[in-house]
Amino acid sequence: MKWSFVICVALLAACGDREAHKLAKIRDEVCHCKTAKCADEAMARLPTKDIQSTPRAQKVAREMLQCLSDLYEADHPTDDPDASAPETADPASARTP
């Protein structure tokens, strides 16, 4: 009885690792993309069934979404005029006499 429990736990852990491995492969594709369109195509390959939430799967998902966020931000620059102003090392040098 004890061994069957150990085997069941090991099988469940293996399934979680397999799913996390699939997520990691897609994360790598997303993070290697240069455009948001490429990343969207990679994200379309995510499994549609429920994925077991494990700490490893959550970490991979956070990393994937960070890469996707960076690509979206690069594709859609801000309209804030102050955001594009270059900062100087010495604020006093920016003043005109």
PDB file of N, CA and C in Angstrom:
ATOM      1  N   MET A   1       0.822  -1.185   0.000  1.00  0.00           N
ATOM      2  CA  MET A   1       0.000   0.000   0.000  1.00  0.00           C
ATOM      3  C   MET A   1       0.871   1.255   0.000  1.00  0.00           C
ATOM      4  N   LYS A   2       1.910   1.246   0.823  1.00  0.00           N
ATOM      5  CA  LYS A   2       2.798   2.395   0.908  1.00  0.00           C
ATOM      6  C   LYS A   2       3.500   2.643  -0.426  1.00  0.00           C
ATOM      7  N   TRP A   3       3.910   1.579  -1.088  1.00  0.00           N
ATOM      8  CA  TRP A   3       4.619   1.730  -2.362  1.00  0.00           C
ATOM      9  C   TRP A   3       3.705   2.270  -3.455  1.00  0.00           C
ATOM     10  N   SER A   4       2.451   1.884  -3.434  1.00  0.00           N
ATOM     11  CA  SER A   4       1.537   2.401  -4.464  1.00  0.00           C
ATOM     12  C   SER A   4       1.353   3.906  -4.299  1.00  0.00           C
ATOM     13  N   PHE A   5       1.331   4.377  -3.054  1.00  0.00           N
ATOM     14  CA  PHE A   5       1.226   5.810  -2.816  1.00  0.00           C
ATOM     15  C   PHE A   5       2.467   6.524  -3.351  1.00  0.00           C
ATOM     16  N   VAL A   6       3.633   5.983  -3.088  1.00  0.00           N
ATOM     17  CA  VAL A   6       4.891   6.575  -3.553  1.00  0.00           C
ATOM     18  C   VAL A   6       4.923   6.613  -5.078  1.00  0.00           C
ATOM     19  N   ILE A   7       4.481   5.540  -5.714  1.00  0.00           N
ATOM     20  CA  ILE A   7       4.461   5.483  -7.179  1.00  0.00           C
ATOM     21  C   ILE A   7       3.481   6.518  -7.737  1.00  0.00           C
ATOM     22  N   CYS A   8       2.314   6.661  -7.119  1.00  0.00           N
ATOM     23  CA  CYS A   8       1.333   7.653  -7.586  1.00  0.00           C
ATOM     24  C   CYS A   8       1.884   9.061  -7.476  1.00  0.00           C
ATOM     25  N   VAL A   9       2.544   9.366  -6.375  1.00  0.00           N
ATOM     26  CA  VAL A   9       3.132  10.698  -6.204  1.00  0.00           C
ATOM     27  C   VAL A   9       4.207  10.941  -7.259  1.00  0.00           C
ATOM     28  N   ALA A  10       5.021   9.933  -7.513  1.00  0.00           N
ATOM     29  CA  ALA A  10       6.077  10.072  -8.523  1.00  0.00           C
ATOM     30  C   ALA A  10       5.491  10.285  -9.908  1.00  0.00           C
ATOM     31  N   LEU A  11       4.418   9.577 -10.240  1.00  0.00           N
ATOM     32  CA  LEU A  11       3.787   9.753 -11.549  1.00  0.00           C
ATOM     33  C   LEU A  11       3.168  11.141 -11.686  1.00  0.00           C
ATOM     34  N   LEU A  12       2.538  11.630 -10.628  1.00  0.00           N
ATOM     35  CA  LEU A  12       1.967  12.974 -10.689  1.00  0.00           C
ATOM     36  C   LEU A  12       3.048  14.027 -10.843  1.00  0.00           C
ATOM     37  N   ALA A  13       4.163  13.854 -10.166  1.00  0.00           N
ATOM     38  CA  ALA A  13       5.278  14.798 -10.300  1.00  0.00           C
ATOM     39  C   ALA A  13       5.845  14.760 -11.710  1.00  0.00           C
ATOM     40  N   ALA A  14       5.925  13.576 -12.296  1.00  0.00           N
ATOM     41  CA  ALA A  14       6.444  13.453 -13.657  1.00  0.00           C
ATOM     42  C   ALA A  14       5.529  14.145 -14.650  1.00  0.00           C
ATOM     43  N   CYS A  15       4.215  14.041 -14.455  1.00  0.00           N
ATOM     44  CA  CYS A  15       3.281  14.730 -15.346  1.00  0.00           C
ATOM     45  C   CYS A  15       3.445  16.233 -15.229  1.00  0.00           C
ATOM     46  N   GLY A  16       3.613  16.721 -14.015  1.00  0.00           N
ATOM     47  CA  GLY A  16       3.817  18.148 -13.814  1.00  0.00           C
ATOM     48  C   GLY A  16       5.097  18.619 -14.462  1.00  0.00           C
ATOM     49  N   ASP A  17       6.163  17.828 -14.363  1.00  0.00           N
ATOM     50  CA  ASP A  17       7.428  18.201 -14.994  1.00  0.00           C
ATOM     51  C   ASP A  17       7.310  18.202 -16.507  1.00  0.00           C
ATOM     52  N   ARG A  18       6.560  17.263 -17.045  1.00  0.00           N
ATOM     53  CA  ARG A  18       6.373  17.202 -18.493  1.00  0.00           C
ATOM     54  C   ARG A  18       5.654  18.458 -18.980  1.00  0.00           C
ATOM     55  N   GLU A  19       4.622  18.867 -18.249  1.00  0.00           N
ATOM     56  CA  GLU A  19       3.885  20.072 -18.622  1.00  0.00           C
ATOM     57  C   GLU A  19       4.760  21.310 -18.474  1.00  0.00           C
ATOM     58  N   ALA A  20       5.541  21.359 -17.409  1.00  0.00           N
ATOM     59  CA  ALA A  20       6.436  22.497 -17.206  1.00  0.00           C
ATOM     60  C   ALA A  20       7.502  22.530 -18.298  1.00  0.00           C
ATOM     61  N   HIS A  21       7.933  21.352 -18.749  1.00  0.00           N
ATOM     62  CA  HIS A  21       8.919  21.291 -19.831  1.00  0.00           C
ATOM     63  C   HIS A  21       8.326  21.840 -21.129  1.00  0.00           C
ATOM     64  N   LYS A  22       7.065  21.506 -21.416  1.00  0.00           N
ATOM     65  CA  LYS A  22       6.398  22.046 -22.600  1.00  0.00           C
ATOM     66  C   LYS A  22       6.294  23.561 -22.504  1.00  0.00           C
ATOM     67  N   LEU A  23       5.924  24.050 -21.318  1.00  0.00           N
ATOM     68  CA  LEU A  23       5.843  25.493 -21.120  1.00  0.00           C
ATOM     69  C   LEU A  23       7.207  26.152 -21.309  1.00  0.00           C
ATOM     70  N   ALA A  24       8.250  25.499 -20.820  1.00  0.00           N
ATOM     71  CA  ALA A  24       9.598  26.057 -20.945  1.00  0.00           C
ATOM     72  C   ALA A  24      10.019  26.159 -22.412  1.00  0.00           C
ATOM     73  N   LYS A  25       9.653  25.169 -23.220  1.00  0.00           N
ATOM     74  CA  LYS A  25       9.984  25.225 -24.644  1.00  0.00           C
ATOM     75  C   LYS A  25       9.284  26.405 -25.314  1.00  0.00           C
ATOM     76  N   ILE A  26       8.020  26.610 -24.971  1.00  0.00           N
ATOM     77  CA  ILE A  26       7.277  27.727 -25.554  1.00  0.00           C
ATOM     78  C   ILE A  26       7.829  29.045 -25.030  1.00  0.00           C
ATOM     79  N   ARG A  27       8.196  29.089 -23.742  1.00  0.00           N
ATOM     80  CA  ARG A  27       8.816  30.296 -23.181  1.00  0.00           C
ATOM     81  C   ARG A  27      10.079  30.653 -23.949  1.00  0.00           C
ATOM     82  N   ASP A  28      10.899  29.660 -24.256  1.00  0.00           N
ATOM     83  CA  ASP A  28      12.128  29.916 -25.000  1.00  0.00           C
ATOM     84  C   ASP A  28      11.828  30.482 -26.383  1.00  0.00           C
ATOM     85  N   GLU A  29      10.785  29.958 -27.031  1.00  0.00           N
ATOM     86  CA  GLU A  29      10.398  30.481 -28.340  1.00  0.00           C
ATOM     87  C   GLU A  29       9.941  31.936 -28.225  1.00  0.00           C
ATOM     88  N   VAL A  30       9.105  32.212 -27.232  1.00  0.00           N
ATOM     89  CA  VAL A  30       8.585  33.572 -27.043  1.00  0.00           C
ATOM     90  C   VAL A  30       9.735  34.534 -26.757  1.00  0.00           C
ATOM     91  N   CYS A  31      10.648  34.136 -25.900  1.00  0.00           N
ATOM     92  CA  CYS A  31      11.748  35.019 -25.510  1.00  0.00           C
ATOM     93  C   CYS A  31      12.771  35.216 -26.626  1.00  0.00           C
ATOM     94  N   HIS A  32      12.800  34.332 -27.609  1.00  0.00           N
ATOM     95  CA  HIS A  32      13.711  34.501 -28.737  1.00  0.00           C
ATOM     96  C   HIS A  32      13.095  35.315 -29.873  1.00  0.00           C
ATOM     97  N   CYS A  33      11.812  35.593 -29.789  1.00  0.00           N
ATOM     98  CA  CYS A  33      11.139  36.368 -30.826  1.00  0.00           C
ATOM     99  C   CYS A  33      11.597  37.819 -30.806  1.00  0.00           C
ATOM    100  N   LYS A  34      11.579  38.436 -31.972  1.00  0.00           N
ATOM    101  CA  LYS A  34      11.948  39.845 -32.095  1.00  0.00           C
ATOM    102  C   LYS A  34      10.721  40.732 -32.230  1.00  0.00           C
ATOM    103  N   THR A  35       9.561  40.142 -32.532  1.00  0.00           N
ATOM    104  CA  THR A  35       8.337  40.922 -32.696  1.00  0.00           C
ATOM    105  C   THR A  35       7.216  40.309 -31.869  1.00  0.00           C
ATOM    106  N   ALA A  36       6.214  41.127 -31.581  1.00  0.00           N
ATOM    107  CA  ALA A  36       5.064  40.646 -30.812  1.00  0.00           C
ATOM    108  C   ALA A  36       4.266  39.623 -31.616  1.00  0.00           C
ATOM    109  N   LYS A  37       4.241  39.779 -32.932  1.00  0.00           N
ATOM    110  CA  LYS A  37       3.506  38.828 -33.776  1.00  0.00           C
ATOM    111  C   LYS A  37       4.118  37.431 -33.659  1.00  0.00           C
ATOM    112  N   CYS A  38       5.417  37.360 -33.686  1.00  0.00           N
ATOM    113  CA  CYS A  38       6.111  36.081 -33.531  1.00  0.00           C
ATOM    114  C   CYS A  38       5.779  35.460 -32.175  1.00  0.00           C
ATOM    115  N   ALA A  39       5.790  36.286 -31.127  1.00  0.00           N
ATOM    116  CA  ALA A  39       5.484  35.787 -29.783  1.00  0.00           C
ATOM    117  C   ALA A  39       4.039  35.311 -29.689  1.00  0.00           C
ATOM    118  N   ASP A  40       3.122  36.025 -30.328  1.00  0.00           N
ATOM    119  CA  ASP A  40       1.723  35.599 -30.326  1.00  0.00           C
ATOM    120  C   ASP A  40       1.564  34.241 -30.999  1.00  0.00           C
ATOM    121  N   GLU A  41       2.302  34.022 -32.083  1.00  0.00           N
ATOM    122  CA  GLU A  41       2.240  32.732 -32.770  1.00  0.00           C
ATOM    123  C   GLU A  41       2.773  31.614 -31.870  1.00  0.00           C
ATOM    124  N   ALA A  42       3.824  31.898 -31.123  1.00  0.00           N
ATOM    125  CA  ALA A  42       4.358  30.902 -30.200  1.00  0.00           C
ATOM    126  C   ALA A  42       3.374  30.649 -29.059  1.00  0.00           C
ATOM    127  N   MET A  43       2.742  31.705 -28.561  1.00  0.00           N
ATOM    128  CA  MET A  43       1.771  31.558 -27.469  1.00  0.00           C
ATOM    129  C   MET A  43       0.551  30.759 -27.918  1.00  0.00           C
ATOM    130  N   ALA A  44       0.246  30.780 -29.198  1.00  0.00           N
ATOM    131  CA  ALA A  44      -0.898  30.017 -29.715  1.00  0.00           C
ATOM    132  C   ALA A  44      -0.667  28.513 -29.573  1.00  0.00           C
ATOM    133  N   ARG A  45       0.581  28.108 -29.415  1.00  0.00           N
ATOM    134  CA  ARG A  45       0.898  26.686 -29.261  1.00  0.00           C
ATOM    135  C   ARG A  45       0.812  26.216 -27.805  1.00  0.00           C
ATOM    136  N   LEU A  46       0.401  27.105 -26.910  1.00  0.00           N
ATOM    137  CA  LEU A  46       0.228  26.693 -25.508  1.00  0.00           C
ATOM    138  C   LEU A  46      -0.876  25.653 -25.415  1.00  0.00           C
ATOM    139  N   PRO A  47      -0.719  24.687 -24.526  1.00  0.00           N
ATOM    140  CA  PRO A  47      -1.775  23.680 -24.347  1.00  0.00           C
ATOM    141  C   PRO A  47      -3.074  24.341 -23.893  1.00  0.00           C
ATOM    142  N   THR A  48      -4.186  23.868 -24.429  1.00  0.00           N
ATOM    143  CA  THR A  48      -5.479  24.449 -24.071  1.00  0.00           C
ATOM    144  C   THR A  48      -6.112  23.746 -22.883  1.00  0.00           C
ATOM    145  N   LYS A  49      -5.622  22.578 -22.540  1.00  0.00           N
ATOM    146  CA  LYS A  49      -6.170  21.889 -21.369  1.00  0.00           C
ATOM    147  C   LYS A  49      -5.567  22.500 -20.108  1.00  0.00           C
ATOM    148  N   ASP A  50      -6.158  22.179 -18.970  1.00  0.00           N
ATOM    149  CA  ASP A  50      -5.655  22.694 -17.701  1.00  0.00           C
ATOM    150  C   ASP A  50      -4.249  22.168 -17.441  1.00  0.00           C
ATOM    151  N   ILE A  51      -3.395  23.065 -17.006  1.00  0.00           N
ATOM    152  CA  ILE A  51      -2.031  22.695 -16.673  1.00  0.00           C
ATOM    153  C   ILE A  51      -1.914  22.701 -15.159  1.00  0.00           C
ATOM    154  N   GLN A  52      -1.294  21.675 -14.630  1.00  0.00           N
ATOM    155  CA  GLN A  52      -1.131  21.581 -13.186  1.00  0.00           C
ATOM    156  C   GLN A  52      -0.268  22.739 -12.711  1.00  0.00           C
ATOM    157  N   SER A  53      -0.769  23.463 -11.733  1.00  0.00           N
ATOM    158  CA  SER A  53      -0.055  24.617 -11.204  1.00  0.00           C
ATOM    159  C   SER A  53       0.998  24.153 -10.206  1.00  0.00           C
ATOM    160  N   THR A  54       2.241  24.247 -10.624  1.00  0.00           N
ATOM    161  CA  THR A  54       3.367  23.919  -9.754  1.00  0.00           C
ATOM    162  C   THR A  54       4.248  25.157  -9.669  1.00  0.00           C
ATOM    163  N   PRO A  55       5.087  25.245  -8.676  1.00  0.00           N
ATOM    164  CA  PRO A  55       5.986  26.403  -8.607  1.00  0.00           C
ATOM    165  C   PRO A  55       6.839  26.566  -9.870  1.00  0.00           C
ATOM    166  N   ARG A  56       7.285  25.459 -10.428  1.00  0.00           N
ATOM    167  CA  ARG A  56       8.103  25.537 -11.641  1.00  0.00           C
ATOM    168  C   ARG A  56       7.283  26.052 -12.821  1.00  0.00           C
ATOM    169  N   ALA A  57       6.058  25.553 -12.978  1.00  0.00           N
ATOM    170  CA  ALA A  57       5.198  26.004 -14.076  1.00  0.00           C
ATOM    171  C   ALA A  57       4.855  27.488 -13.911  1.00  0.00           C
ATOM    172  N   GLN A  58       4.627  27.924 -12.680  1.00  0.00           N
ATOM    173  CA  GLN A  58       4.320  29.327 -12.435  1.00  0.00           C
ATOM    174  C   GLN A  58       5.514  30.217 -12.771  1.00  0.00           C
ATOM    175  N   LYS A  59       6.713  29.779 -12.424  1.00  0.00           N
ATOM    176  CA  LYS A  59       7.920  30.546 -12.725  1.00  0.00           C
ATOM    177  C   LYS A  59       8.105  30.677 -14.237  1.00  0.00           C
ATOM    178  N   VAL A  60       7.924  29.578 -14.947  1.00  0.00           N
ATOM    179  CA  VAL A  60       8.070  29.593 -16.405  1.00  0.00           C
ATOM    180  C   VAL A  60       7.028  30.520 -17.025  1.00  0.00           C
ATOM    181  N   ALA A  61       5.798  30.468 -16.524  1.00  0.00           N
ATOM    182  CA  ALA A  61       4.732  31.318 -17.059  1.00  0.00           C
ATOM    183  C   ALA A  61       5.044  32.795 -16.816  1.00  0.00           C
ATOM    184  N   ARG A  62       5.556  33.133 -15.624  1.00  0.00           N
ATOM    185  CA  ARG A  62       5.929  34.527 -15.345  1.00  0.00           C
ATOM    186  C   ARG A  62       7.015  35.011 -16.298  1.00  0.00           C
ATOM    187  N   GLU A  63       8.016  34.173 -16.531  1.00  0.00           N
ATOM    188  CA  GLU A  63       9.111  34.545 -17.437  1.00  0.00           C
ATOM    189  C   GLU A  63       8.593  34.741 -18.862  1.00  0.00           C
ATOM    190  N   MET A  64       7.690  33.852 -19.280  1.00  0.00           N
ATOM    191  CA  MET A  64       7.119  33.940 -20.621  1.00  0.00           C
ATOM    192  C   MET A  64       6.321  35.237 -20.783  1.00  0.00           C
ATOM    193  N   LEU A  65       5.508  35.560 -19.790  1.00  0.00           N
ATOM    194  CA  LEU A  65       4.704  36.776 -19.861  1.00  0.00           C
ATOM    195  C   LEU A  65       5.562  38.030 -19.789  1.00  0.00           C
ATOM    196  N   GLN A  66       6.688  37.977 -19.086  1.00  0.00           N
ATOM    197  CA  GLN A  66       7.595  39.121 -19.045  1.00  0.00           C
ATOM    198  C   GLN A  66       8.207  39.371 -20.423  1.00  0.00           C
ATOM    199  N   CYS A  67       8.612  38.308 -21.092  1.00  0.00           N
ATOM    200  CA  CYS A  67       9.150  38.449 -22.450  1.00  0.00           C
ATOM    201  C   CYS A  67       8.088  39.010 -23.385  1.00  0.00           C
ATOM    202  N   LEU A  68       6.869  38.510 -23.273  1.00  0.00           N
ATOM    203  CA  LEU A  68       5.771  38.985 -24.114  1.00  0.00           C
ATOM    204  C   LEU A  68       5.488  40.455 -23.834  1.00  0.00           C
ATOM    205  N   SER A  69       5.490  40.833 -22.579  1.00  0.00           N
ATOM    206  CA  SER A  69       5.260  42.228 -22.196  1.00  0.00           C
ATOM    207  C   SER A  69       6.341  43.138 -22.772  1.00  0.00           C
ATOM    208  N   ASP A  70       7.586  42.705 -22.712  1.00  0.00           N
ATOM    209  CA  ASP A  70       8.680  43.502 -23.263  1.00  0.00           C
ATOM    210  C   ASP A  70       8.519  43.697 -24.769  1.00  0.00           C
ATOM    211  N   LEU A  71       8.086  42.659 -25.467  1.00  0.00           N
ATOM    212  CA  LEU A  71       7.888  42.767 -26.914  1.00  0.00           C
ATOM    213  C   LEU A  71       6.739  43.712 -27.249  1.00  0.00           C
ATOM    214  N   TYR A  72       5.639  43.620 -26.490  1.00  0.00           N
ATOM    215  CA  TYR A  72       4.517  44.537 -26.723  1.00  0.00           C
ATOM    216  C   TYR A  72       4.928  45.981 -26.455  1.00  0.00           C
ATOM    217  N   GLU A  73       5.703  46.186 -25.415  1.00  0.00           N
ATOM    218  CA  GLU A  73       6.149  47.536 -25.080  1.00  0.00           C
ATOM    219  C   GLU A  73       7.064  48.085 -26.174  1.00  0.00           C
ATOM    220  N   ALA A  74       7.906  47.245 -26.737  1.00  0.00           N
ATOM    221  CA  ALA A  74       8.799  47.682 -27.808  1.00  0.00           C
ATOM    222  C   ALA A  74       8.013  47.996 -29.082  1.00  0.00           C
ATOM    223  N   ASP A  75       6.938  47.251 -29.338  1.00  0.00           N
ATOM    224  CA  ASP A  75       6.135  47.491 -30.536  1.00  0.00           C
ATOM    225  C   ASP A  75       5.237  48.713 -30.406  1.00  0.00           C
ATOM    226  N   HIS A  76       4.909  49.085 -29.188  1.00  0.00           N
ATOM    227  CA  HIS A  76       4.010  50.216 -28.956  1.00  0.00           C
ATOM    228  C   HIS A  76       4.685  51.217 -28.025  1.00  0.00           C
ATOM    229  N   PRO A  77       5.547  52.073 -28.579  1.00  0.00           N
ATOM    230  CA  PRO A  77       6.223  53.041 -27.722  1.00  0.00           C
ATOM    231  C   PRO A  77       5.225  54.024 -27.113  1.00  0.00           C
ATOM    232  N   THR A  78       5.614  54.625 -26.036  1.00  0.00           N
ATOM    233  CA  THR A  78       4.744  55.540 -25.315  1.00  0.00           C
ATOM    234  C   THR A  78       4.592  56.873 -26.055  1.00  0.00           C
ATOM    235  N   ASP A  79       3.466  57.531 -25.824  1.00  0.00           N
ATOM    236  CA  ASP A  79       3.225  58.843 -26.411  1.00  0.00           C
ATOM    237  C   ASP A  79       3.602  59.959 -25.450  1.00  0.00           C
ATOM    238  N   ASP A  80       4.114  59.599 -24.297  1.00  0.00           N
ATOM    239  CA  ASP A  80       4.491  60.572 -23.279  1.00  0.00           C
ATOM    240  C   ASP A  80       5.735  61.332 -23.735  1.00  0.00           C
ATOM    241  N   PRO A  81       5.633  62.652 -23.910  1.00  0.00           N
ATOM    242  CA  PRO A  81       6.799  63.405 -24.383  1.00  0.00           C
ATOM    243  C   PRO A  81       7.928  63.423 -23.360  1.00  0.00           C
ATOM    244  N   ASP A  82       7.611  63.312 -22.091  1.00  0.00           N
ATOM    245  CA  ASP A  82       8.653  63.317 -21.067  1.00  0.00           C
ATOM    246  C   ASP A  82       9.396  61.990 -20.984  1.00  0.00           C
ATOM    247  N   ALA A  83       8.782  60.917 -21.428  1.00  0.00           N
ATOM    248  CA  ALA A  83       9.400  59.600 -21.333  1.00  0.00           C
ATOM    249  C   ALA A  83      10.576  59.466 -22.289  1.00  0.00           C
ATOM    250  N   SER A  84      10.553  60.191 -23.401  1.00  0.00           N
ATOM    251  CA  SER A  84      11.620  60.051 -24.380  1.00  0.00           C
ATOM    252  C   SER A  84      12.744  61.057 -24.172  1.00  0.00           C
ATOM    253  N   ALA A  85      12.579  61.962 -23.218  1.00  0.00           N
ATOM    254  CA  ALA A  85      13.617  62.953 -22.962  1.00  0.00           C
ATOM    255  C   ALA A  85      14.821  62.271 -22.347  1.00  0.00           C
ATOM    256  N   PRO A  86      15.999  62.485 -22.920  1.00  0.00           N
ATOM    257  CA  PRO A  86      17.188  61.857 -22.363  1.00  0.00           C
ATOM    258  C   PRO A  86      17.543  62.495 -21.025  1.00  0.00           C
ATOM    259  N   GLU A  87      17.952  61.667 -20.094  1.00  0.00           N
ATOM    260  CA  GLU A  87      18.354  62.173 -18.794  1.00  0.00           C
ATOM    261  C   GLU A  87      19.840  62.467 -18.817  1.00  0.00           C
ATOM    262  N   THR A  88      20.220  63.526 -18.150  1.00  0.00           N
ATOM    263  CA  THR A  88      21.633  63.876 -18.077  1.00  0.00           C
ATOM    264  C   THR A  88      22.177  63.433 -16.736  1.00  0.00           C
ATOM    265  N   ALA A  89      23.475  63.272 -16.678  1.00  0.00           N
ATOM    266  CA  ALA A  89      24.113  62.832 -15.442  1.00  0.00           C
ATOM    267  C   ALA A  89      24.054  63.928 -14.383  1.00  0.00           C
ATOM    268  N   ASP A  90      24.166  65.171 -14.831  1.00  0.00           N
ATOM    269  CA  ASP A  90      24.165  66.304 -13.901  1.00  0.00           C
ATOM    270  C   ASP A  90      22.968  67.189 -14.227  1.00  0.00           C
ATOM    271  N   PRO A  91      21.956  67.230 -13.341  1.00  0.00           N
ATOM    272  CA  PRO A  91      20.767  68.034 -13.634  1.00  0.00           C
ATOM    273  C   PRO A  91      21.080  69.512 -13.812  1.00  0.00           C
ATOM    274  N   ALA A  92      22.148  70.007 -13.187  1.00  0.00           N
ATOM    275  CA  ALA A  92      22.501  71.423 -13.315  1.00  0.00           C
ATOM    276  C   ALA A  92      22.991  71.745 -14.703  1.00  0.00           C
ATOM    277  N   SER A  93      23.572  70.781 -15.393  1.00  0.00           N
ATOM    278  CA  SER A  93      24.081  71.033 -16.728  1.00  0.00           C
ATOM    279  C   SER A  93      22.947  71.156 -17.755  1.00  0.00           C
ATOM    280  N   ALA A  94      21.767  70.710 -17.387  1.00  0.00           N
ATOM    281  CA  ALA A  94      20.638  70.788 -18.304  1.00  0.00           C
ATOM    282  C   ALA A  94      20.060  72.202 -18.339  1.00  0.00           C
ATOM    283  N   ARG A  95      20.337  73.014 -17.315  1.00  0.00           N
ATOM    284  CA  ARG A  95      19.821  74.382 -17.269  1.00  0.00           C
ATOM    285  C   ARG A  95      20.630  75.279 -18.188  1.00  0.00           C
ATOM    286  N   THR A  96      19.944  76.206 -18.804  1.00  0.00           N
ATOM    287  CA  THR A  96      20.648  77.180 -19.640  1.00  0.00           C
ATOM    288  C   THR A  96      20.792  78.468 -18.844  1.00  0.00           C
ATOM    289  N   PRO A  97      21.955  79.124 -18.903  1.00  0.00           N
ATOM    290  CA  PRO A  97      22.164  80.362 -18.147  1.00  0.00           C
ATOM    291  C   PRO A  97      21.443  81.532 -18.734  1.00  0.00           C
TER     292      PRO A  97
END
